[in-house]
Amino acid sequence: MIPSPHLYLVHLETDARPDGTDPLGWVELAPGLYLAESGLDRSRLYHAIKRRYAPQRLLVAPLAAAPKFKGMAPGALKWLRARGHA
């Protein structure tokens, strides 16, 4: 059984910047602030990001619903809607 994707808020401070080729499935809201969609649980996602980017700071928080936001990067709301979260 394939786990259903969960939505996470991720704060990542690192020199290596995630891009569209990253298999983790996320969108940047603002510098260092991301929404991520993953079938991984919080701990596995945290450790996957930690191993891949060796961040100076990292926060991974599950979201029960899509967040409300204003003034974030263009395309973020479209990204949410395309995944059925908004």
Protein backbone atom coordinates (compact mmCIF):
# COMPACT_ATOMS: atom_id res chain seq x y z
CA MET A 1 0.00 0.00 0.00
CA ILE A 2 1.38 3.40 -1.02
CA PRO A 3 1.12 5.96 1.80
CA SER A 4 -0.90 9.05 1.00
CA PRO A 5 1.18 12.21 0.77
CA HIS A 6 1.34 14.55 3.74
CA LEU A 7 1.92 18.29 3.67
CA TYR A 8 4.82 19.73 5.68
CA LEU A 9 6.25 23.16 6.42
CA VAL A 10 10.04 23.09 6.11
CA HIS A 11 12.55 25.72 7.15
CA LEU A 12 15.94 24.91 5.66
CA GLU A 13 19.08 26.96 6.09
CA THR A 14 21.80 25.56 3.86
CA ASP A 15 24.28 26.54 1.18
CA ALA A 16 22.81 23.94 -1.22
CA ARG A 17 19.51 25.17 -2.65
CA PRO A 18 16.76 22.70 -3.53
CA ASP A 19 15.44 22.91 -7.08
CA GLY A 20 12.70 21.39 -9.23
CA THR A 21 14.68 18.18 -9.75
CA ASP A 22 14.59 17.31 -6.05
CA PRO A 23 12.62 14.09 -5.49
CA LEU A 24 11.21 15.39 -2.21
CA GLY A 25 8.41 17.34 -3.95
CA TRP A 26 8.40 20.85 -2.54
CA VAL A 27 7.89 24.48 -3.41
CA GLU A 28 9.72 27.50 -2.00
CA LEU A 29 7.47 30.05 -0.29
CA ALA A 30 10.27 32.46 0.66
CA PRO A 31 14.04 32.08 1.01
CA GLY A 32 14.57 28.99 3.16
CA LEU A 33 10.83 28.36 3.72
CA TYR A 34 9.16 25.52 1.83
CA LEU A 35 5.97 23.52 1.56
CA ALA A 36 6.73 19.85 1.01
CA GLU A 37 4.46 17.00 0.00
CA SER A 38 5.72 13.55 0.86
CA GLY A 39 4.56 10.03 1.61
CA LEU A 40 7.31 9.87 4.23
CA ASP A 41 6.49 10.41 7.88
CA ARG A 42 7.96 13.49 9.59
CA SER A 43 11.03 11.71 10.97
CA ARG A 44 11.98 10.07 7.66
CA LEU A 45 11.48 13.32 5.75
CA TYR A 46 13.56 15.23 8.32
CA HIS A 47 16.43 12.74 8.02
CA ALA A 48 16.21 12.61 4.21
CA ILE A 49 16.55 16.41 4.05
CA LYS A 50 19.29 16.40 6.71
CA ARG A 51 21.35 13.82 4.79
CA ARG A 52 20.87 15.46 1.41
CA TYR A 53 21.52 19.11 2.36
CA ALA A 54 23.57 19.04 5.61
CA PRO A 55 21.72 22.16 6.82
CA GLN A 56 22.82 24.62 9.49
CA ARG A 57 19.15 24.85 10.58
CA LEU A 58 16.24 22.57 9.82
CA LEU A 59 12.60 22.42 10.88
CA VAL A 60 10.02 19.97 9.53
CA ALA A 61 6.44 20.40 10.76
CA PRO A 62 3.38 18.48 9.55
CA LEU A 63 0.37 20.54 8.47
CA ALA A 64 -3.19 19.34 9.08
CA ALA A 65 -4.43 21.52 6.21
CA ALA A 66 -3.07 23.86 3.57
CA PRO A 67 -1.82 27.10 5.12
CA LYS A 68 -3.19 30.53 4.33
CA PHE A 69 -0.50 32.89 3.08
CA LYS A 70 0.11 36.21 1.36
CA GLY A 71 3.18 37.62 -0.34
CA MET A 72 4.89 34.28 -0.87
CA ALA A 73 6.71 33.19 -4.04
CA PRO A 74 4.71 33.16 -7.27
CA GLY A 75 3.35 29.73 -8.10
CA ALA A 76 3.06 28.48 -4.50
CA LEU A 77 -0.75 28.56 -4.45
CA LYS A 78 -0.84 26.92 -7.89
CA TRP A 79 1.46 24.17 -6.56
CA LEU A 80 -0.94 23.56 -3.64
CA ARG A 81 -4.02 23.52 -5.86
CA ALA A 82 -2.42 21.13 -8.34
CA ARG A 83 -2.01 18.66 -5.48
CA GLY A 84 -5.57 19.10 -4.18
CA HIS A 85 -4.60 20.94 -0.98
CA ALA A 86 -6.23 24.32 -1.59
